[in-house]
């Protein structure tokens, strides 16, 4: 598994679910650990990136629903991951921060849909990753876009 190729993808998942740098780093590490634990079960029935999204999103959702555990990260060779904002979606930093602030106000499912949409995933790919029907995703996306417009204009 070549995780170097997927650093930005994992970072984006983290950034969607939290905006605190320490929490981003902690979630990033949790996702990496879960990927390593889950990799032996990957059978190649879907694209690797689809599987990775599924693991990353589920790990993010689970990390906020259970009490924090104490874990020594010294054994895992993961260091600060600093990704330039411009690579995310091509917005100026201020616009980028406004967008992420608005995304933080969405519910967990909406965050996942937005992240995959910003990654240019097709509705078919989103359906496979999230387990939500194509038609439902389209309706959700329209509602989310309107919600984000409202949230970014109210700032």
Protein backbone atom coordinates (compact mmCIF):
# COMPACT_ATOMS: atom_id res chain seq x y z
CA UNK A 1 0.00 0.00 0.00
CA UNK A 2 1.57 3.30 -1.10
CA UNK A 3 0.16 5.75 1.43
CA UNK A 4 2.36 8.57 0.18
CA UNK A 5 0.08 8.87 -2.84
CA UNK A 6 -2.96 9.29 -0.59
CA UNK A 7 -1.68 11.79 2.02
CA UNK A 8 -3.69 14.64 0.58
CA UNK A 9 -6.85 12.54 0.35
CA UNK A 10 -6.52 11.47 4.01
CA UNK A 11 -5.71 15.02 5.06
CA UNK A 12 -8.86 16.26 3.32
CA UNK A 13 -11.00 13.76 5.20
CA UNK A 14 -9.44 14.96 8.45
CA UNK A 15 -9.93 18.59 7.52
CA UNK A 16 -13.60 18.03 6.73
CA UNK A 17 -14.32 16.57 10.18
CA UNK A 18 -12.22 18.89 12.36
CA UNK A 19 -10.53 22.26 12.03
CA UNK A 20 -8.14 22.06 15.00
CA UNK A 21 -4.60 21.22 13.84
CA UNK A 22 -3.96 18.85 16.78
CA UNK A 23 -7.22 17.02 16.11
CA UNK A 24 -6.38 16.85 12.40
CA UNK A 25 -3.04 15.23 13.20
CA UNK A 26 -4.62 12.81 15.67
CA UNK A 27 -7.36 11.82 13.24
CA UNK A 28 -4.80 11.45 10.44
CA UNK A 29 -2.84 9.02 12.60
CA UNK A 30 -6.00 7.12 13.57
CA UNK A 31 -6.89 6.72 9.90
CA UNK A 32 -3.40 5.48 9.03
CA UNK A 33 -3.53 2.93 11.83
CA UNK A 34 -6.98 1.74 10.76
CA UNK A 35 -5.82 1.45 7.14
CA UNK A 36 -2.91 -0.75 8.19
CA UNK A 37 -5.18 -2.90 10.35
CA UNK A 38 -7.77 -3.23 7.58
CA UNK A 39 -5.43 -3.71 4.63
CA UNK A 40 -5.24 -7.52 4.91
CA UNK A 41 -9.03 -7.58 4.37
CA UNK A 42 -8.83 -5.51 1.17
CA UNK A 43 -9.75 -7.92 -1.62
CA UNK A 44 -9.55 -5.55 -4.57
CA UNK A 45 -13.29 -5.79 -5.30
CA UNK A 46 -13.41 -1.99 -5.49
CA UNK A 47 -10.84 0.62 -6.41
CA UNK A 48 -8.20 1.15 -3.73
CA UNK A 49 -9.17 4.82 -3.38
CA UNK A 50 -12.83 3.85 -2.83
CA UNK A 51 -11.81 1.44 -0.08
CA UNK A 52 -9.50 4.05 1.44
CA UNK A 53 -12.28 6.68 1.49
CA UNK A 54 -14.61 4.21 3.17
CA UNK A 55 -12.05 3.42 5.90
CA UNK A 56 -11.08 7.08 6.36
CA UNK A 57 -14.66 8.36 6.61
CA UNK A 58 -15.74 5.57 8.96
CA UNK A 59 -12.68 6.16 11.15
CA UNK A 60 -13.45 9.88 11.29
CA UNK A 61 -17.06 9.24 12.21
CA UNK A 62 -16.11 6.67 14.85
CA UNK A 63 -13.35 8.78 16.37
CA UNK A 64 -15.84 11.44 17.39
CA UNK A 65 -18.45 9.02 18.70
CA UNK A 66 -16.30 7.23 21.29
CA UNK A 67 -14.21 8.40 24.24
CA UNK A 68 -10.58 9.19 23.49
CA UNK A 69 -8.09 6.48 24.27
CA UNK A 70 -4.48 6.85 25.19
CA UNK A 71 -2.25 5.67 22.38
CA UNK A 72 1.51 5.95 22.03
CA UNK A 73 2.29 7.11 18.53
CA UNK A 74 6.06 6.83 18.87
CA UNK A 75 5.99 3.43 17.18
CA UNK A 76 4.20 4.80 14.12
CA UNK A 77 6.35 6.82 11.78
CA UNK A 78 3.89 9.56 11.01
CA UNK A 79 5.02 13.15 11.32
CA UNK A 80 3.31 16.47 10.85
CA UNK A 81 1.58 16.51 7.53
CA UNK A 82 1.40 20.02 6.17
CA UNK A 83 -0.55 20.28 2.95
CA UNK A 84 -0.82 23.57 1.13
CA UNK A 85 -4.37 24.89 1.07
CA UNK A 86 -4.12 25.81 -2.60
CA UNK A 87 -3.90 22.14 -3.56
CA UNK A 88 -7.24 21.37 -1.91
CA UNK A 89 -9.67 23.05 -4.26
CA UNK A 90 -7.86 26.00 -5.77
CA UNK A 91 -9.42 28.74 -3.67
CA UNK A 92 -7.65 31.64 -2.09
CA UNK A 93 -6.82 30.95 1.55
CA UNK A 94 -9.53 33.24 2.92
CA UNK A 95 -12.22 31.69 0.73
CA UNK A 96 -10.85 28.28 1.58
CA UNK A 97 -11.17 28.97 5.31
CA UNK A 98 -14.72 30.27 4.86
CA UNK A 99 -15.68 27.16 2.96
CA UNK A 100 -14.21 24.84 5.59
CA UNK A 101 -15.88 26.85 8.37
CA UNK A 102 -19.22 26.40 6.59
CA UNK A 103 -18.54 22.69 5.99
CA UNK A 104 -17.83 22.27 9.72
CA UNK A 105 -21.46 23.27 10.36
CA UNK A 106 -22.82 20.42 8.22
CA UNK A 107 -23.79 17.05 9.67
CA UNK A 108 -21.43 14.10 9.22
CA UNK A 109 -23.14 12.65 6.14
CA UNK A 110 -23.25 16.06 4.46
CA UNK A 111 -19.53 16.53 5.18
CA UNK A 112 -18.75 13.22 3.50
CA UNK A 113 -20.86 14.05 0.44
CA UNK A 114 -19.21 17.49 0.08
CA UNK A 115 -15.72 16.09 0.44
CA UNK A 116 -16.30 13.47 -2.25
CA UNK A 117 -17.96 16.06 -4.49
CA UNK A 118 -14.94 18.35 -4.10
CA UNK A 119 -12.77 15.39 -5.05
CA UNK A 120 -14.70 15.16 -8.33
CA UNK A 121 -16.09 11.75 -7.46
CA UNK A 122 -19.00 10.65 -9.62
CA UNK A 123 -22.34 9.93 -7.98
CA UNK A 124 -21.74 6.24 -8.75
CA UNK A 125 -18.44 6.36 -6.84
CA UNK A 126 -20.08 8.24 -3.97
CA UNK A 127 -22.80 5.61 -3.84
CA UNK A 128 -20.19 2.86 -3.59
CA UNK A 129 -18.20 4.70 -0.89
CA UNK A 130 -21.10 5.94 1.24
CA UNK A 131 -23.77 3.34 0.56
CA UNK A 132 -26.32 6.04 -0.31
CA UNK A 133 -28.32 5.71 -3.52
CA UNK A 134 -27.40 7.84 -6.50
CA UNK A 135 -30.77 9.63 -6.53
CA UNK A 136 -30.58 10.41 -2.81
CA UNK A 137 -27.04 11.73 -3.23
CA UNK A 138 -28.15 14.12 -5.97
CA UNK A 139 -30.95 15.49 -3.79
CA UNK A 140 -28.59 15.78 -0.81
CA UNK A 141 -25.97 17.56 -2.91
CA UNK A 142 -28.47 20.16 -4.11
CA UNK A 143 -29.58 20.80 -0.52
CA UNK A 144 -25.99 20.95 0.70
CA UNK A 145 -25.01 23.46 -1.99
CA UNK A 146 -27.87 25.72 -0.93
CA UNK A 147 -26.95 25.31 2.73
CA UNK A 148 -23.29 26.18 2.01
CA UNK A 149 -24.35 29.24 -0.01
CA UNK A 150 -26.38 30.43 2.95
CA UNK A 151 -23.63 29.68 5.46
CA UNK A 152 -20.87 31.40 3.46
CA UNK A 153 -23.01 34.48 2.74
CA UNK A 154 -23.91 34.88 6.42
CA UNK A 155 -20.28 35.36 7.39
